[in-house]
Amino acid sequence: QVQLVESGGGLVQAGGSLRLSCAASGRTSSVYSMGWFRQAPGKEREFVAAIPWSSTSTYYADSVKGRFTISRDNAKNTVYLQMNSLKPEDTAVYYCASTTRRTVLRITDHITYEYWGQGTQVTVSS
């Protein structure tokens, strides 16, 4: 089992920044990739960004490319999501997820991920 705990959400004005953190514990040695997803009220959960645990590759949704940056600290078993130039449409609950599947195929698909955090609210005011 892998446990994930997100932090760093909050209320910010449009154009501002936030950094989300996701700390993994448990069988972290089995984790191959980690990702961030978000879900706004009345909408389906959507992919935001992902990063394999042992690679420099990163993956982003088109809607956040150039504004968000995903990174990891392997020593701390933590993945981060730096969010800049935030827009009201970025308002959502942000979820951290991890997968033990040793492939980057479908890394943007939520069904790839076995473990999920509880979510952290991000609200961007206009």
C-alpha atoms as a PDB file:
ATOM      1  CA  GLN A   1       0.000   0.000   0.000  1.00  0.00           C
ATOM      2  CA  VAL A   2       1.039   3.566  -0.662  1.00  0.00           C
ATOM      3  CA  GLN A   3      -0.371   6.481   1.288  1.00  0.00           C
ATOM      4  CA  LEU A   4      -0.469   9.954  -0.244  1.00  0.00           C
ATOM      5  CA  VAL A   5      -1.040  13.216   1.584  1.00  0.00           C
ATOM      6  CA  GLU A   6      -1.448  16.496  -0.288  1.00  0.00           C
ATOM      7  CA  SER A   7      -0.912  19.966   1.126  1.00  0.00           C
ATOM      8  CA  GLY A   8      -0.521  23.520  -0.079  1.00  0.00           C
ATOM      9  CA  GLY A   9      -3.947  24.331  -1.444  1.00  0.00           C
ATOM     10  CA  GLY A  10      -5.724  27.569  -0.680  1.00  0.00           C
ATOM     11  CA  LEU A  11      -7.271  30.744  -2.008  1.00  0.00           C
ATOM     12  CA  VAL A  12      -5.288  32.917  -4.386  1.00  0.00           C
ATOM     13  CA  GLN A  13      -6.050  35.767  -6.754  1.00  0.00           C
ATOM     14  CA  ALA A  14      -5.829  35.322 -10.492  1.00  0.00           C
ATOM     15  CA  GLY A  15      -2.232  35.643 -11.628  1.00  0.00           C
ATOM     16  CA  GLY A  16      -0.907  34.349  -8.336  1.00  0.00           C
ATOM     17  CA  SER A  17       0.992  31.194  -7.483  1.00  0.00           C
ATOM     18  CA  LEU A  18       0.657  28.169  -5.242  1.00  0.00           C
ATOM     19  CA  ARG A  19       2.812  25.120  -4.657  1.00  0.00           C
ATOM     20  CA  LEU A  20       1.176  21.804  -3.881  1.00  0.00           C
ATOM     21  CA  SER A  21       3.054  19.001  -2.168  1.00  0.00           C
ATOM     22  CA  CYS A  22       2.302  15.300  -2.050  1.00  0.00           C
ATOM     23  CA  ALA A  23       4.133  13.149   0.460  1.00  0.00           C
ATOM     24  CA  ALA A  24       4.171   9.410  -0.178  1.00  0.00           C
ATOM     25  CA  SER A  25       4.618   6.784   2.510  1.00  0.00           C
ATOM     26  CA  GLY A  26       4.336   3.033   2.797  1.00  0.00           C
ATOM     27  CA  ARG A  27       5.636   0.903  -0.086  1.00  0.00           C
ATOM     28  CA  THR A  28       7.157   3.830  -1.924  1.00  0.00           C
ATOM     29  CA  SER A  29       9.774   1.593  -3.524  1.00  0.00           C
ATOM     30  CA  SER A  30       6.996   0.154  -5.673  1.00  0.00           C
ATOM     31  CA  VAL A  31       5.960   3.550  -7.087  1.00  0.00           C
ATOM     32  CA  TYR A  32       6.854   4.053 -10.747  1.00  0.00           C
ATOM     33  CA  SER A  33       5.100   7.328 -11.562  1.00  0.00           C
ATOM     34  CA  MET A  34       3.158  10.023  -9.775  1.00  0.00           C
ATOM     35  CA  GLY A  35       0.620  12.412 -11.131  1.00  0.00           C
ATOM     36  CA  TRP A  36      -1.668  15.293 -10.324  1.00  0.00           C
ATOM     37  CA  PHE A  37      -5.309  15.390 -11.340  1.00  0.00           C
ATOM     38  CA  ARG A  38      -8.036  17.894 -10.593  1.00  0.00           C
ATOM     39  CA  GLN A  39     -11.799  17.938 -10.416  1.00  0.00           C
ATOM     40  CA  ALA A  40     -13.968  21.016 -10.570  1.00  0.00           C
ATOM     41  CA  PRO A  41     -17.606  20.989  -9.409  1.00  0.00           C
ATOM     42  CA  GLY A  42     -19.819  19.289 -11.945  1.00  0.00           C
ATOM     43  CA  LYS A  43     -16.882  18.188 -14.065  1.00  0.00           C
ATOM     44  CA  GLU A  44     -14.975  14.955 -14.501  1.00  0.00           C
ATOM     45  CA  ARG A  45     -11.553  14.419 -12.999  1.00  0.00           C
ATOM     46  CA  GLU A  46      -8.883  15.586 -15.436  1.00  0.00           C
ATOM     47  CA  PHE A  47      -5.192  15.029 -15.829  1.00  0.00           C
ATOM     48  CA  VAL A  48      -2.866  17.891 -14.876  1.00  0.00           C
ATOM     49  CA  ALA A  49       0.729  16.623 -14.777  1.00  0.00           C
ATOM     50  CA  ALA A  50       2.785  13.487 -14.215  1.00  0.00           C
ATOM     51  CA  ILE A  51       6.356  12.459 -13.597  1.00  0.00           C
ATOM     52  CA  PRO A  52       8.029   9.056 -13.536  1.00  0.00           C
ATOM     53  CA  TRP A  53       9.933   8.474 -10.331  1.00  0.00           C
ATOM     54  CA  SER A  54      13.257   7.679 -12.020  1.00  0.00           C
ATOM     55  CA  SER A  55      13.114   9.771 -15.152  1.00  0.00           C
ATOM     56  CA  THR A  56      13.538  13.404 -16.110  1.00  0.00           C
ATOM     57  CA  SER A  57      10.484  13.259 -18.342  1.00  0.00           C
ATOM     58  CA  THR A  58       7.408  15.244 -17.411  1.00  0.00           C
ATOM     59  CA  TYR A  59       3.903  15.308 -18.841  1.00  0.00           C
ATOM     60  CA  TYR A  60       1.375  18.142 -18.789  1.00  0.00           C
ATOM     61  CA  ALA A  61      -2.157  18.863 -19.863  1.00  0.00           C
ATOM     62  CA  ASP A  62      -2.272  21.489 -22.594  1.00  0.00           C
ATOM     63  CA  SER A  63      -4.293  23.761 -20.324  1.00  0.00           C
ATOM     64  CA  VAL A  64      -1.449  24.065 -17.801  1.00  0.00           C
ATOM     65  CA  LYS A  65       1.616  23.750 -20.009  1.00  0.00           C
ATOM     66  CA  GLY A  66       3.967  26.668 -19.457  1.00  0.00           C
ATOM     67  CA  ARG A  67       2.281  27.649 -16.185  1.00  0.00           C
ATOM     68  CA  PHE A  68       2.596  24.545 -13.985  1.00  0.00           C
ATOM     69  CA  THR A  69       5.727  22.588 -13.164  1.00  0.00           C
ATOM     70  CA  ILE A  70       5.831  19.116 -11.636  1.00  0.00           C
ATOM     71  CA  SER A  71       8.929  18.004  -9.788  1.00  0.00           C
ATOM     72  CA  ARG A  72       9.957  15.408  -7.255  1.00  0.00           C
ATOM     73  CA  ASP A  73      12.330  14.902  -4.347  1.00  0.00           C
ATOM     74  CA  ASN A  74      13.127  11.207  -4.247  1.00  0.00           C
ATOM     75  CA  ALA A  75      14.867  11.464  -0.889  1.00  0.00           C
ATOM     76  CA  LYS A  76      11.701  12.882   0.664  1.00  0.00           C
ATOM     77  CA  ASN A  77       9.296  10.723  -1.382  1.00  0.00           C
ATOM     78  CA  THR A  78       7.521  13.935  -2.287  1.00  0.00           C
ATOM     79  CA  VAL A  79       6.192  15.321  -5.535  1.00  0.00           C
ATOM     80  CA  TYR A  80       5.407  18.995  -6.058  1.00  0.00           C
ATOM     81  CA  LEU A  81       3.200  20.996  -8.371  1.00  0.00           C
ATOM     82  CA  GLN A  82       4.273  24.602  -8.775  1.00  0.00           C
ATOM     83  CA  MET A  83       1.346  26.550 -10.182  1.00  0.00           C
ATOM     84  CA  ASN A  84       1.993  30.014 -11.602  1.00  0.00           C
ATOM     85  CA  SER A  85      -0.205  32.489 -13.458  1.00  0.00           C
ATOM     86  CA  LEU A  86      -3.273  30.885 -11.948  1.00  0.00           C
ATOM     87  CA  LYS A  87      -6.637  31.430 -13.578  1.00  0.00           C
ATOM     88  CA  PRO A  88     -10.168  31.135 -12.167  1.00  0.00           C
ATOM     89  CA  GLU A  89     -10.648  28.057 -14.350  1.00  0.00           C
ATOM     90  CA  ASP A  90      -7.873  26.336 -12.372  1.00  0.00           C
ATOM     91  CA  THR A  91     -10.223  26.222  -9.388  1.00  0.00           C
ATOM     92  CA  ALA A  92     -10.709  22.596  -8.394  1.00  0.00           C
ATOM     93  CA  VAL A  93      -9.843  19.923  -5.898  1.00  0.00           C
ATOM     94  CA  TYR A  94      -6.349  18.712  -6.762  1.00  0.00           C
ATOM     95  CA  TYR A  95      -5.497  15.071  -6.223  1.00  0.00           C
ATOM     96  CA  CYS A  96      -2.137  13.381  -6.085  1.00  0.00           C
ATOM     97  CA  ALA A  97      -1.928   9.839  -7.424  1.00  0.00           C
ATOM     98  CA  SER A  98       0.657   7.124  -7.788  1.00  0.00           C
ATOM     99  CA  THR A  99       1.009   4.020  -9.902  1.00  0.00           C
ATOM    100  CA  THR A 100       3.174   0.943  -9.659  1.00  0.00           C
ATOM    101  CA  ARG A 101       2.728   0.137 -13.347  1.00  0.00           C
ATOM    102  CA  ARG A 102       6.176   0.244 -14.888  1.00  0.00           C
ATOM    103  CA  THR A 103       5.239   2.075 -18.053  1.00  0.00           C
ATOM    104  CA  VAL A 104       4.475   5.618 -19.107  1.00  0.00           C
ATOM    105  CA  LEU A 105       1.811   4.457 -21.509  1.00  0.00           C
ATOM    106  CA  ARG A 106      -1.472   6.051 -20.480  1.00  0.00           C
ATOM    107  CA  ILE A 107       0.299   8.046 -17.774  1.00  0.00           C
ATOM    108  CA  THR A 108      -2.271  10.780 -18.367  1.00  0.00           C
ATOM    109  CA  ASP A 109      -5.198   8.417 -17.737  1.00  0.00           C
ATOM    110  CA  HIS A 110      -6.621   8.303 -14.215  1.00  0.00           C
ATOM    111  CA  ILE A 111      -7.319   4.566 -14.473  1.00  0.00           C
ATOM    112  CA  THR A 112      -3.567   3.988 -14.552  1.00  0.00           C
ATOM    113  CA  TYR A 113      -3.214   5.073 -10.934  1.00  0.00           C
ATOM    114  CA  GLU A 114      -3.885   2.762  -8.007  1.00  0.00           C
ATOM    115  CA  TYR A 115      -3.394   5.119  -5.076  1.00  0.00           C
ATOM    116  CA  TRP A 116      -4.932   8.517  -4.457  1.00  0.00           C
ATOM    117  CA  GLY A 117      -4.633  11.261  -1.883  1.00  0.00           C
ATOM    118  CA  GLN A 118      -7.597  12.920  -0.210  1.00  0.00           C
ATOM    119  CA  GLY A 119      -7.337  16.050  -2.331  1.00  0.00           C
ATOM    120  CA  THR A 120      -6.620  19.688  -1.606  1.00  0.00           C
ATOM    121  CA  GLN A 121      -8.812  22.615  -2.618  1.00  0.00           C
ATOM    122  CA  VAL A 122      -7.406  25.311  -4.878  1.00  0.00           C
ATOM    123  CA  THR A 123      -9.571  28.366  -5.403  1.00  0.00           C
ATOM    124  CA  VAL A 124      -8.562  31.148  -7.771  1.00  0.00           C
ATOM    125  CA  SER A 125     -10.546  34.359  -7.494  1.00  0.00           C
ATOM    126  CA  SER A 126     -10.953  36.769 -10.380  1.00  0.00           C
END
